[in-house]
């Protein structure tokens, strides 16, 4: 289909080897009604206005800045005034009708790969929990106990930023690297937060991302203009001598932007990332849901976790 990009062979091969990691950005959750970064920033500005901390004019002027700058300023105000920001659980909430219409997270989780997200929402968490074996008594009595243990080992666990362990890179696992609605006090929100986390030479995120970009194939989905600062922080961790395309980013364009596509491809190629484009002239940004649904039909049947031998080799490389 002309409006569905072909899946690169390297992505299919990585899925088959248990070597594919999908990074999920805000563009995915926005399709089911969660706020974009710009909308999130405006919600925070309005909260401060309602609390009479800033006035309407200040709100209007600050709203012209980038979302990241707005959030950085507002978070500093909350700290100065000893106030709590709004409840993340009430902000990062889906629209039930949109979620049912597009089911993008269900299709994405059907990839049966490893998931790393910079989003605060818990949509991937819910997909992981949905198919999680609860206990042996609720499984088939015909299956040996070892089968249940193996089911748990293959994933469906959810990890926070302080749990960024290489051993958690297992198919079905969901890893939040910037915090989540379940622990908003530790969310990475401001520019200062990002600089602090990503500048630690031997910090947890640094070690974790270096492992990912050096030993896995990464597919970025749902990253747009509002998240370029975040994305550039991450892709700057890819070795500068990396010239072989081993990572991918899926980005929407309008057909009139064909020249822009070529420029963007050159930019990402310098980091060893291949840009996969798809056009949204007919359906708009929700067309991503259709792309993911079609891709899931090809990736799901072949995706599998790493073999025990693969894991041993990985451990050997890490210990060298």
C-alpha atoms as a PDB file:
ATOM      1  CA  UNK A   1       0.000   0.000   0.000  1.00  0.00           C
ATOM      2  CA  UNK A   2       1.353   3.384  -1.028  1.00  0.00           C
ATOM      3  CA  UNK A   3       0.428   5.077   2.277  1.00  0.00           C
ATOM      4  CA  UNK A   4       1.983   2.336   4.423  1.00  0.00           C
ATOM      5  CA  UNK A   5       5.809   2.377   4.371  1.00  0.00           C
ATOM      6  CA  UNK A   6       7.593  -0.905   3.844  1.00  0.00           C
ATOM      7  CA  UNK A   7       9.255  -2.326   6.948  1.00  0.00           C
ATOM      8  CA  UNK A   8      13.051  -2.296   6.507  1.00  0.00           C
ATOM      9  CA  UNK A   9      14.584  -5.750   6.456  1.00  0.00           C
ATOM     10  CA  UNK A  10      16.880  -4.864   9.362  1.00  0.00           C
ATOM     11  CA  UNK A  11      13.864  -4.197  11.605  1.00  0.00           C
ATOM     12  CA  UNK A  12      12.335  -7.576  10.757  1.00  0.00           C
ATOM     13  CA  UNK A  13      15.663  -9.314  11.336  1.00  0.00           C
ATOM     14  CA  UNK A  14      16.095  -7.552  14.686  1.00  0.00           C
ATOM     15  CA  UNK A  15      12.581  -8.599  15.767  1.00  0.00           C
ATOM     16  CA  UNK A  16      13.385 -12.196  14.845  1.00  0.00           C
ATOM     17  CA  UNK A  17      16.603 -12.118  16.888  1.00  0.00           C
ATOM     18  CA  UNK A  18      14.947 -10.507  19.911  1.00  0.00           C
ATOM     19  CA  UNK A  19      17.095  -7.468  19.258  1.00  0.00           C
ATOM     20  CA  UNK A  20      14.501  -4.767  18.500  1.00  0.00           C
ATOM     21  CA  UNK A  21      13.744  -1.915  20.900  1.00  0.00           C
ATOM     22  CA  UNK A  22      10.856   0.450  20.198  1.00  0.00           C
ATOM     23  CA  UNK A  23      11.145   3.961  21.660  1.00  0.00           C
ATOM     24  CA  UNK A  24       7.665   5.444  22.124  1.00  0.00           C
ATOM     25  CA  UNK A  25       7.133   9.216  22.083  1.00  0.00           C
ATOM     26  CA  UNK A  26       4.201  11.569  22.732  1.00  0.00           C
ATOM     27  CA  UNK A  27       2.990  11.383  19.121  1.00  0.00           C
ATOM     28  CA  UNK A  28       1.619   7.921  19.866  1.00  0.00           C
ATOM     29  CA  UNK A  29      -0.388   8.821  22.974  1.00  0.00           C
ATOM     30  CA  UNK A  30      -1.608  12.048  21.363  1.00  0.00           C
ATOM     31  CA  UNK A  31      -3.607   9.972  18.859  1.00  0.00           C
ATOM     32  CA  UNK A  32      -5.801   8.652  21.671  1.00  0.00           C
ATOM     33  CA  UNK A  33      -6.331  12.048  23.269  1.00  0.00           C
ATOM     34  CA  UNK A  34      -3.386  12.503  25.650  1.00  0.00           C
ATOM     35  CA  UNK A  35      -1.901  16.008  25.513  1.00  0.00           C
ATOM     36  CA  UNK A  36       0.984  16.968  23.277  1.00  0.00           C
ATOM     37  CA  UNK A  37       3.967  18.683  24.900  1.00  0.00           C
ATOM     38  CA  UNK A  38       2.568  22.049  23.832  1.00  0.00           C
ATOM     39  CA  UNK A  39      -0.844  21.234  25.332  1.00  0.00           C
ATOM     40  CA  UNK A  40       0.788  19.978  28.528  1.00  0.00           C
ATOM     41  CA  UNK A  41       2.751  23.231  28.839  1.00  0.00           C
ATOM     42  CA  UNK A  42      -0.433  25.282  28.381  1.00  0.00           C
ATOM     43  CA  UNK A  43      -2.244  23.227  31.033  1.00  0.00           C
ATOM     44  CA  UNK A  44       0.545  24.053  33.465  1.00  0.00           C
ATOM     45  CA  UNK A  45       0.467  27.756  32.532  1.00  0.00           C
ATOM     46  CA  UNK A  46      -3.299  27.845  33.078  1.00  0.00           C
ATOM     47  CA  UNK A  47      -2.893  26.156  36.459  1.00  0.00           C
ATOM     48  CA  UNK A  48      -0.517  28.887  37.616  1.00  0.00           C
ATOM     49  CA  UNK A  49      -2.898  31.533  36.276  1.00  0.00           C
ATOM     50  CA  UNK A  50      -5.842  29.998  38.145  1.00  0.00           C
ATOM     51  CA  UNK A  51      -3.737  30.016  41.312  1.00  0.00           C
ATOM     52  CA  UNK A  52      -3.044  33.753  40.725  1.00  0.00           C
ATOM     53  CA  UNK A  53       0.708  33.120  40.554  1.00  0.00           C
ATOM     54  CA  UNK A  54       0.975  34.585  37.049  1.00  0.00           C
ATOM     55  CA  UNK A  55      -1.490  36.903  35.327  1.00  0.00           C
ATOM     56  CA  UNK A  56      -3.193  36.653  31.946  1.00  0.00           C
ATOM     57  CA  UNK A  57      -0.585  38.820  30.192  1.00  0.00           C
ATOM     58  CA  UNK A  58       2.292  36.730  31.553  1.00  0.00           C
ATOM     59  CA  UNK A  59       0.451  33.565  30.523  1.00  0.00           C
ATOM     60  CA  UNK A  60       0.052  34.935  26.998  1.00  0.00           C
ATOM     61  CA  UNK A  61       3.725  35.899  26.709  1.00  0.00           C
ATOM     62  CA  UNK A  62       5.087  32.664  28.162  1.00  0.00           C
ATOM     63  CA  UNK A  63       2.862  30.585  25.869  1.00  0.00           C
ATOM     64  CA  UNK A  64       4.936  31.848  22.902  1.00  0.00           C
ATOM     65  CA  UNK A  65       7.990  29.948  24.150  1.00  0.00           C
ATOM     66  CA  UNK A  66       8.851  26.324  23.395  1.00  0.00           C
ATOM     67  CA  UNK A  67       7.042  23.775  25.586  1.00  0.00           C
ATOM     68  CA  UNK A  68      10.293  22.731  27.261  1.00  0.00           C
ATOM     69  CA  UNK A  69      11.125  26.328  28.237  1.00  0.00           C
ATOM     70  CA  UNK A  70       7.585  26.893  29.516  1.00  0.00           C
ATOM     71  CA  UNK A  71       7.715  23.780  31.683  1.00  0.00           C
ATOM     72  CA  UNK A  72      11.169  24.670  32.977  1.00  0.00           C
ATOM     73  CA  UNK A  73       9.988  28.142  34.044  1.00  0.00           C
ATOM     74  CA  UNK A  74       6.753  26.855  35.561  1.00  0.00           C
ATOM     75  CA  UNK A  75       8.453  24.081  37.528  1.00  0.00           C
ATOM     76  CA  UNK A  76      10.841  26.642  39.000  1.00  0.00           C
ATOM     77  CA  UNK A  77       7.823  28.732  40.044  1.00  0.00           C
ATOM     78  CA  UNK A  78       6.220  25.713  41.729  1.00  0.00           C
ATOM     79  CA  UNK A  79       9.441  25.093  43.643  1.00  0.00           C
ATOM     80  CA  UNK A  80       9.817  28.732  44.679  1.00  0.00           C
ATOM     81  CA  UNK A  81       6.200  28.917  45.872  1.00  0.00           C
ATOM     82  CA  UNK A  82       6.339  25.459  47.474  1.00  0.00           C
ATOM     83  CA  UNK A  83       3.373  24.348  45.364  1.00  0.00           C
ATOM     84  CA  UNK A  84       2.585  21.024  43.725  1.00  0.00           C
ATOM     85  CA  UNK A  85       1.923  20.870  39.976  1.00  0.00           C
ATOM     86  CA  UNK A  86      -1.408  19.386  38.809  1.00  0.00           C
ATOM     87  CA  UNK A  87      -1.973  15.647  39.192  1.00  0.00           C
ATOM     88  CA  UNK A  88      -0.375  13.878  36.209  1.00  0.00           C
ATOM     89  CA  UNK A  89      -3.094  11.208  36.390  1.00  0.00           C
ATOM     90  CA  UNK A  90      -5.669  13.859  35.510  1.00  0.00           C
ATOM     91  CA  UNK A  91      -3.583  15.316  32.670  1.00  0.00           C
ATOM     92  CA  UNK A  92      -2.230  12.287  30.839  1.00  0.00           C
ATOM     93  CA  UNK A  93      -5.528  10.548  30.353  1.00  0.00           C
ATOM     94  CA  UNK A  94      -6.855   9.043  27.143  1.00  0.00           C
ATOM     95  CA  UNK A  95     -10.118   9.662  25.306  1.00  0.00           C
ATOM     96  CA  UNK A  96     -11.941   6.320  25.489  1.00  0.00           C
ATOM     97  CA  UNK A  97     -13.619   6.746  22.101  1.00  0.00           C
ATOM     98  CA  UNK A  98     -10.329   7.553  20.371  1.00  0.00           C
ATOM     99  CA  UNK A  99      -8.590   4.672  22.116  1.00  0.00           C
ATOM    100  CA  UNK A 100     -11.257   2.248  20.936  1.00  0.00           C
ATOM    101  CA  UNK A 101     -11.221   3.689  17.401  1.00  0.00           C
ATOM    102  CA  UNK A 102      -7.467   3.499  16.860  1.00  0.00           C
ATOM    103  CA  UNK A 103      -6.154   0.903  19.390  1.00  0.00           C
ATOM    104  CA  UNK A 104      -2.634   1.987  18.527  1.00  0.00           C
ATOM    105  CA  UNK A 105      -1.154   0.707  21.779  1.00  0.00           C
ATOM    106  CA  UNK A 106      -2.694  -2.716  21.362  1.00  0.00           C
ATOM    107  CA  UNK A 107      -1.150  -2.989  17.889  1.00  0.00           C
ATOM    108  CA  UNK A 108       2.185  -1.590  19.090  1.00  0.00           C
ATOM    109  CA  UNK A 109       2.382  -4.091  21.916  1.00  0.00           C
ATOM    110  CA  UNK A 110       1.636  -6.852  19.400  1.00  0.00           C
ATOM    111  CA  UNK A 111       5.140  -6.231  18.053  1.00  0.00           C
ATOM    112  CA  UNK A 112       6.215  -8.304  21.086  1.00  0.00           C
ATOM    113  CA  UNK A 113       9.472  -6.451  21.415  1.00  0.00           C
ATOM    114  CA  UNK A 114      11.236  -4.373  24.086  1.00  0.00           C
ATOM    115  CA  UNK A 115       9.608  -1.008  24.829  1.00  0.00           C
ATOM    116  CA  UNK A 116      11.333   2.127  26.101  1.00  0.00           C
ATOM    117  CA  UNK A 117       9.223   5.247  26.487  1.00  0.00           C
ATOM    118  CA  UNK A 118       9.831   8.899  27.283  1.00  0.00           C
ATOM    119  CA  UNK A 119       6.085   9.355  27.901  1.00  0.00           C
ATOM    120  CA  UNK A 120       4.561   9.783  31.358  1.00  0.00           C
ATOM    121  CA  UNK A 121       1.300   7.991  30.523  1.00  0.00           C
ATOM    122  CA  UNK A 122       0.680   4.334  31.383  1.00  0.00           C
ATOM    123  CA  UNK A 123      -0.809   3.085  28.110  1.00  0.00           C
ATOM    124  CA  UNK A 124       2.020   0.602  27.436  1.00  0.00           C
ATOM    125  CA  UNK A 125       1.921  -0.468  31.083  1.00  0.00           C
ATOM    126  CA  UNK A 126      -1.709  -1.458  30.712  1.00  0.00           C
ATOM    127  CA  UNK A 127      -0.974  -3.539  27.622  1.00  0.00           C
ATOM    128  CA  UNK A 128       1.805  -5.328  29.501  1.00  0.00           C
ATOM    129  CA  UNK A 129      -0.398  -6.025  32.517  1.00  0.00           C
ATOM    130  CA  UNK A 130      -3.306  -7.150  30.355  1.00  0.00           C
ATOM    131  CA  UNK A 131      -1.643 -10.407  29.299  1.00  0.00           C
ATOM    132  CA  UNK A 132       0.400 -11.018  32.435  1.00  0.00           C
ATOM    133  CA  UNK A 133       0.039 -14.471  34.065  1.00  0.00           C
ATOM    134  CA  UNK A 134      -1.263 -13.888  37.597  1.00  0.00           C
ATOM    135  CA  UNK A 135      -0.363 -17.146  39.316  1.00  0.00           C
ATOM    136  CA  UNK A 136       0.029 -20.842  38.654  1.00  0.00           C
ATOM    137  CA  UNK A 137      -3.461 -21.692  39.880  1.00  0.00           C
ATOM    138  CA  UNK A 138      -4.983 -19.602  37.096  1.00  0.00           C
ATOM    139  CA  UNK A 139      -2.978 -21.274  34.337  1.00  0.00           C
ATOM    140  CA  UNK A 140      -3.711 -24.576  32.634  1.00  0.00           C
ATOM    141  CA  UNK A 141      -3.164 -27.585  34.899  1.00  0.00           C
ATOM    142  CA  UNK A 142      -1.712 -29.408  31.896  1.00  0.00           C
ATOM    143  CA  UNK A 143       1.317 -27.101  31.815  1.00  0.00           C
ATOM    144  CA  UNK A 144       4.400 -27.787  33.956  1.00  0.00           C
ATOM    145  CA  UNK A 145       5.318 -25.163  36.529  1.00  0.00           C
ATOM    146  CA  UNK A 146       8.399 -24.274  34.508  1.00  0.00           C
ATOM    147  CA  UNK A 147       6.176 -23.024  31.687  1.00  0.00           C
ATOM    148  CA  UNK A 148       4.666 -20.407  34.005  1.00  0.00           C
ATOM    149  CA  UNK A 149       8.101 -19.295  35.177  1.00  0.00           C
ATOM    150  CA  UNK A 150       9.236 -18.924  31.567  1.00  0.00           C
ATOM    151  CA  UNK A 151       6.173 -16.789  30.779  1.00  0.00           C
ATOM    152  CA  UNK A 152       7.160 -14.395  33.547  1.00  0.00           C
ATOM    153  CA  UNK A 153      10.765 -14.323  32.392  1.00  0.00           C
ATOM    154  CA  UNK A 154       9.881 -13.264  28.858  1.00  0.00           C
ATOM    155  CA  UNK A 155       8.605  -9.920  30.072  1.00  0.00           C
ATOM    156  CA  UNK A 156       5.454  -7.906  30.685  1.00  0.00           C
ATOM    157  CA  UNK A 157       7.180  -6.069  33.538  1.00  0.00           C
ATOM    158  CA  UNK A 158       7.226  -2.305  34.001  1.00  0.00           C
ATOM    159  CA  UNK A 159      10.345  -0.456  35.104  1.00  0.00           C
ATOM    160  CA  UNK A 160      11.029   3.082  36.301  1.00  0.00           C
ATOM    161  CA  UNK A 161      14.013   5.352  35.617  1.00  0.00           C
ATOM    162  CA  UNK A 162      15.882   4.077  38.676  1.00  0.00           C
ATOM    163  CA  UNK A 163      15.548   0.504  37.381  1.00  0.00           C
ATOM    164  CA  UNK A 164      17.455   0.964  34.124  1.00  0.00           C
ATOM    165  CA  UNK A 165      19.227  -2.367  34.108  1.00  0.00           C
ATOM    166  CA  UNK A 166      20.511  -4.127  31.004  1.00  0.00           C
ATOM    167  CA  UNK A 167      18.976  -7.345  32.349  1.00  0.00           C
ATOM    168  CA  UNK A 168      15.535  -5.721  32.002  1.00  0.00           C
ATOM    169  CA  UNK A 169      15.884  -5.481  28.217  1.00  0.00           C
ATOM    170  CA  UNK A 170      13.515  -8.387  27.638  1.00  0.00           C
ATOM    171  CA  UNK A 171      10.676  -8.744  25.123  1.00  0.00           C
ATOM    172  CA  UNK A 172       7.396  -7.483  26.553  1.00  0.00           C
ATOM    173  CA  UNK A 173       8.994  -5.253  29.182  1.00  0.00           C
ATOM    174  CA  UNK A 174       8.114  -1.552  29.346  1.00  0.00           C
ATOM    175  CA  UNK A 175      10.807   0.837  30.587  1.00  0.00           C
ATOM    176  CA  UNK A 176      10.072   4.477  31.486  1.00  0.00           C
ATOM    177  CA  UNK A 177      13.253   6.527  31.257  1.00  0.00           C
ATOM    178  CA  UNK A 178      11.751   9.957  32.063  1.00  0.00           C
ATOM    179  CA  UNK A 179       9.305   9.029  34.824  1.00  0.00           C
ATOM    180  CA  UNK A 180       5.608   8.208  34.780  1.00  0.00           C
ATOM    181  CA  UNK A 181       2.229   9.241  36.156  1.00  0.00           C
ATOM    182  CA  UNK A 182       2.701   6.612  38.845  1.00  0.00           C
ATOM    183  CA  UNK A 183       5.640   8.527  40.321  1.00  0.00           C
ATOM    184  CA  UNK A 184       5.417  12.151  39.064  1.00  0.00           C
ATOM    185  CA  UNK A 185       7.814  13.478  41.697  1.00  0.00           C
ATOM    186  CA  UNK A 186      10.662  11.780  39.807  1.00  0.00           C
ATOM    187  CA  UNK A 187       9.565  12.821  36.320  1.00  0.00           C
ATOM    188  CA  UNK A 188      12.180  14.467  34.108  1.00  0.00           C
ATOM    189  CA  UNK A 189      10.408  17.645  32.995  1.00  0.00           C
ATOM    190  CA  UNK A 190      12.700  20.677  32.828  1.00  0.00           C
ATOM    191  CA  UNK A 191      15.737  21.410  30.694  1.00  0.00           C
ATOM    192  CA  UNK A 192      17.776  21.311  33.890  1.00  0.00           C
ATOM    193  CA  UNK A 193      16.455  17.790  34.578  1.00  0.00           C
ATOM    194  CA  UNK A 194      17.532  16.623  31.125  1.00  0.00           C
ATOM    195  CA  UNK A 195      20.930  18.262  31.312  1.00  0.00           C
ATOM    196  CA  UNK A 196      21.548  16.763  34.735  1.00  0.00           C
ATOM    197  CA  UNK A 197      20.551  13.216  33.732  1.00  0.00           C
ATOM    198  CA  UNK A 198      22.235  13.115  30.339  1.00  0.00           C
ATOM    199  CA  UNK A 199      25.453  14.868  31.347  1.00  0.00           C
ATOM    200  CA  UNK A 200      26.400  12.248  33.968  1.00  0.00           C
ATOM    201  CA  UNK A 201      29.220  10.462  32.181  1.00  0.00           C
ATOM    202  CA  UNK A 202      28.721   7.140  33.945  1.00  0.00           C
ATOM    203  CA  UNK A 203      25.153   7.797  35.012  1.00  0.00           C
ATOM    204  CA  UNK A 204      22.385   5.219  34.807  1.00  0.00           C
ATOM    205  CA  UNK A 205      20.792   6.656  31.654  1.00  0.00           C
ATOM    206  CA  UNK A 206      24.165   7.031  29.922  1.00  0.00           C
ATOM    207  CA  UNK A 207      25.146   3.417  30.534  1.00  0.00           C
ATOM    208  CA  UNK A 208      21.682   2.172  29.604  1.00  0.00           C
ATOM    209  CA  UNK A 209      21.474   4.128  26.340  1.00  0.00           C
ATOM    210  CA  UNK A 210      25.013   3.230  25.341  1.00  0.00           C
ATOM    211  CA  UNK A 211      24.110  -0.438  25.720  1.00  0.00           C
ATOM    212  CA  UNK A 212      20.958  -0.002  23.672  1.00  0.00           C
ATOM    213  CA  UNK A 213      22.496   1.955  20.809  1.00  0.00           C
ATOM    214  CA  UNK A 214      25.556  -0.279  20.633  1.00  0.00           C
ATOM    215  CA  UNK A 215      23.889  -3.687  20.774  1.00  0.00           C
ATOM    216  CA  UNK A 216      20.268  -3.300  19.645  1.00  0.00           C
ATOM    217  CA  UNK A 217      18.286  -2.025  16.681  1.00  0.00           C
ATOM    218  CA  UNK A 218      16.161   0.941  17.754  1.00  0.00           C
ATOM    219  CA  UNK A 219      12.919   2.146  16.176  1.00  0.00           C
ATOM    220  CA  UNK A 220      11.702   5.605  17.272  1.00  0.00           C
ATOM    221  CA  UNK A 221       7.926   6.082  16.954  1.00  0.00           C
ATOM    222  CA  UNK A 222       5.912   9.177  17.848  1.00  0.00           C
ATOM    223  CA  UNK A 223       8.707  11.751  18.047  1.00  0.00           C
ATOM    224  CA  UNK A 224       7.948  15.144  16.531  1.00  0.00           C
ATOM    225  CA  UNK A 225       9.131  18.742  16.557  1.00  0.00           C
ATOM    226  CA  UNK A 226       8.127  19.224  20.196  1.00  0.00           C
ATOM    227  CA  UNK A 227      10.447  16.414  21.230  1.00  0.00           C
ATOM    228  CA  UNK A 228      13.519  17.154  19.125  1.00  0.00           C
ATOM    229  CA  UNK A 229      15.378  18.395  22.215  1.00  0.00           C
ATOM    230  CA  UNK A 230      14.740  15.059  23.934  1.00  0.00           C
ATOM    231  CA  UNK A 231      15.520  13.082  20.808  1.00  0.00           C
ATOM    232  CA  UNK A 232      18.784  14.913  20.199  1.00  0.00           C
ATOM    233  CA  UNK A 233      19.842  14.259  23.782  1.00  0.00           C
ATOM    234  CA  UNK A 234      19.337  10.556  23.148  1.00  0.00           C
ATOM    235  CA  UNK A 235      20.748  10.175  19.657  1.00  0.00           C
ATOM    236  CA  UNK A 236      23.843  12.134  20.652  1.00  0.00           C
ATOM    237  CA  UNK A 237      24.731   9.017  22.631  1.00  0.00           C
ATOM    238  CA  UNK A 238      25.160   7.004  19.438  1.00  0.00           C
ATOM    239  CA  UNK A 239      28.915   6.604  18.766  1.00  0.00           C
ATOM    240  CA  UNK A 240      30.174   9.300  16.417  1.00  0.00           C
ATOM    241  CA  UNK A 241      32.061   6.757  14.344  1.00  0.00           C
ATOM    242  CA  UNK A 242      28.801   4.905  13.684  1.00  0.00           C
ATOM    243  CA  UNK A 243      28.238   5.057   9.947  1.00  0.00           C
ATOM    244  CA  UNK A 244      26.242   1.855   9.406  1.00  0.00           C
ATOM    245  CA  UNK A 245      22.495   2.442   9.525  1.00  0.00           C
ATOM    246  CA  UNK A 246      21.291   0.358  12.427  1.00  0.00           C
ATOM    247  CA  UNK A 247      18.485   2.477  13.904  1.00  0.00           C
ATOM    248  CA  UNK A 248      15.250   3.905  12.477  1.00  0.00           C
ATOM    249  CA  UNK A 249      12.766   6.709  13.046  1.00  0.00           C
ATOM    250  CA  UNK A 250       9.198   6.771  11.726  1.00  0.00           C
ATOM    251  CA  UNK A 251       8.083  10.328  10.873  1.00  0.00           C
ATOM    252  CA  UNK A 252       4.910  11.741   9.216  1.00  0.00           C
ATOM    253  CA  UNK A 253       5.079  14.234   6.336  1.00  0.00           C
ATOM    254  CA  UNK A 254       2.810  15.879   3.808  1.00  0.00           C
ATOM    255  CA  UNK A 255       3.529  15.073   0.173  1.00  0.00           C
ATOM    256  CA  UNK A 256       4.452  18.716  -0.447  1.00  0.00           C
ATOM    257  CA  UNK A 257       7.387  18.275   1.975  1.00  0.00           C
ATOM    258  CA  UNK A 258       9.383  15.879  -0.209  1.00  0.00           C
ATOM    259  CA  UNK A 259      12.427  18.179  -0.265  1.00  0.00           C
ATOM    260  CA  UNK A 260      12.325  18.448   3.531  1.00  0.00           C
ATOM    261  CA  UNK A 261      12.305  14.655   3.770  1.00  0.00           C
ATOM    262  CA  UNK A 262      15.631  14.463   1.939  1.00  0.00           C
ATOM    263  CA  UNK A 263      17.234  17.023   4.254  1.00  0.00           C
ATOM    264  CA  UNK A 264      15.934  15.225   7.323  1.00  0.00           C
ATOM    265  CA  UNK A 265      17.241  11.902   6.000  1.00  0.00           C
ATOM    266  CA  UNK A 266      20.750  13.364   5.746  1.00  0.00           C
ATOM    267  CA  UNK A 267      20.559  14.706   9.293  1.00  0.00           C
ATOM    268  CA  UNK A 268      19.502  11.385  10.835  1.00  0.00           C
ATOM    269  CA  UNK A 269      21.900   9.388   8.670  1.00  0.00           C
ATOM    270  CA  UNK A 270      24.771  11.240  10.355  1.00  0.00           C
ATOM    271  CA  UNK A 271      23.720   9.453  13.563  1.00  0.00           C
ATOM    272  CA  UNK A 272      23.269   6.070  11.917  1.00  0.00           C
ATOM    273  CA  UNK A 273      19.480   6.463  11.821  1.00  0.00           C
ATOM    274  CA  UNK A 274      17.338   5.828   8.758  1.00  0.00           C
ATOM    275  CA  UNK A 275      14.254   8.008   8.392  1.00  0.00           C
ATOM    276  CA  UNK A 276      11.109   6.097   7.360  1.00  0.00           C
ATOM    277  CA  UNK A 277       8.456   8.482   6.131  1.00  0.00           C
ATOM    278  CA  UNK A 278       4.727   8.144   5.564  1.00  0.00           C
ATOM    279  CA  UNK A 279       2.250  10.686   4.211  1.00  0.00           C
ATOM    280  CA  UNK A 280      -0.667  12.016   6.245  1.00  0.00           C
ATOM    281  CA  UNK A 281      -2.433  14.161   3.625  1.00  0.00           C
ATOM    282  CA  UNK A 282      -5.604  12.024   3.691  1.00  0.00           C
ATOM    283  CA  UNK A 283      -5.933  10.998   7.325  1.00  0.00           C
ATOM    284  CA  UNK A 284      -3.783  13.389   9.350  1.00  0.00           C
ATOM    285  CA  UNK A 285      -1.655  12.353  12.316  1.00  0.00           C
ATOM    286  CA  UNK A 286      -3.970   9.467  13.367  1.00  0.00           C
ATOM    287  CA  UNK A 287      -2.749   7.673  10.224  1.00  0.00           C
ATOM    288  CA  UNK A 288       0.116   6.444  12.404  1.00  0.00           C
ATOM    289  CA  UNK A 289      -2.350   4.018  14.007  1.00  0.00           C
ATOM    290  CA  UNK A 290      -2.982   2.393  10.643  1.00  0.00           C
ATOM    291  CA  UNK A 291       0.749   2.150   9.932  1.00  0.00           C
ATOM    292  CA  UNK A 292       1.346   0.446  13.304  1.00  0.00           C
ATOM    293  CA  UNK A 293      -1.581  -1.925  12.788  1.00  0.00           C
ATOM    294  CA  UNK A 294      -0.235  -3.000   9.377  1.00  0.00           C
ATOM    295  CA  UNK A 295       3.323  -3.345  10.655  1.00  0.00           C
ATOM    296  CA  UNK A 296       2.137  -5.467  13.573  1.00  0.00           C
ATOM    297  CA  UNK A 297       0.788  -8.038  11.099  1.00  0.00           C
ATOM    298  CA  UNK A 298       4.335  -8.600   9.811  1.00  0.00           C
ATOM    299  CA  UNK A 299       6.371  -8.142  12.974  1.00  0.00           C
ATOM    300  CA  UNK A 300       4.218 -10.032  15.477  1.00  0.00           C
ATOM    301  CA  UNK A 301       4.466 -13.509  13.841  1.00  0.00           C
ATOM    302  CA  UNK A 302       8.273 -13.449  13.699  1.00  0.00           C
ATOM    303  CA  UNK A 303       9.185 -11.546  16.865  1.00  0.00           C
ATOM    304  CA  UNK A 304      10.788 -13.611  19.598  1.00  0.00           C
ATOM    305  CA  UNK A 305      12.911 -13.076  22.728  1.00  0.00           C
ATOM    306  CA  UNK A 306      16.659 -13.527  22.774  1.00  0.00           C
ATOM    307  CA  UNK A 307      17.830 -17.112  23.143  1.00  0.00           C
ATOM    308  CA  UNK A 308      19.783 -18.206  26.210  1.00  0.00           C
ATOM    309  CA  UNK A 309      22.945 -18.255  24.066  1.00  0.00           C
ATOM    310  CA  UNK A 310      22.337 -14.674  22.921  1.00  0.00           C
ATOM    311  CA  UNK A 311      21.956 -13.586  26.550  1.00  0.00           C
ATOM    312  CA  UNK A 312      25.194 -15.280  27.553  1.00  0.00           C
ATOM    313  CA  UNK A 313      27.042 -13.549  24.717  1.00  0.00           C
ATOM    314  CA  UNK A 314      25.582 -10.206  25.825  1.00  0.00           C
ATOM    315  CA  UNK A 315      26.714 -10.773  29.404  1.00  0.00           C
ATOM    316  CA  UNK A 316      30.213 -11.679  28.177  1.00  0.00           C
ATOM    317  CA  UNK A 317      30.404  -8.448  26.151  1.00  0.00           C
ATOM    318  CA  UNK A 318      29.246  -6.350  29.081  1.00  0.00           C
ATOM    319  CA  UNK A 319      31.791  -7.930  31.425  1.00  0.00           C
ATOM    320  CA  UNK A 320      34.738  -7.451  29.046  1.00  0.00           C
END
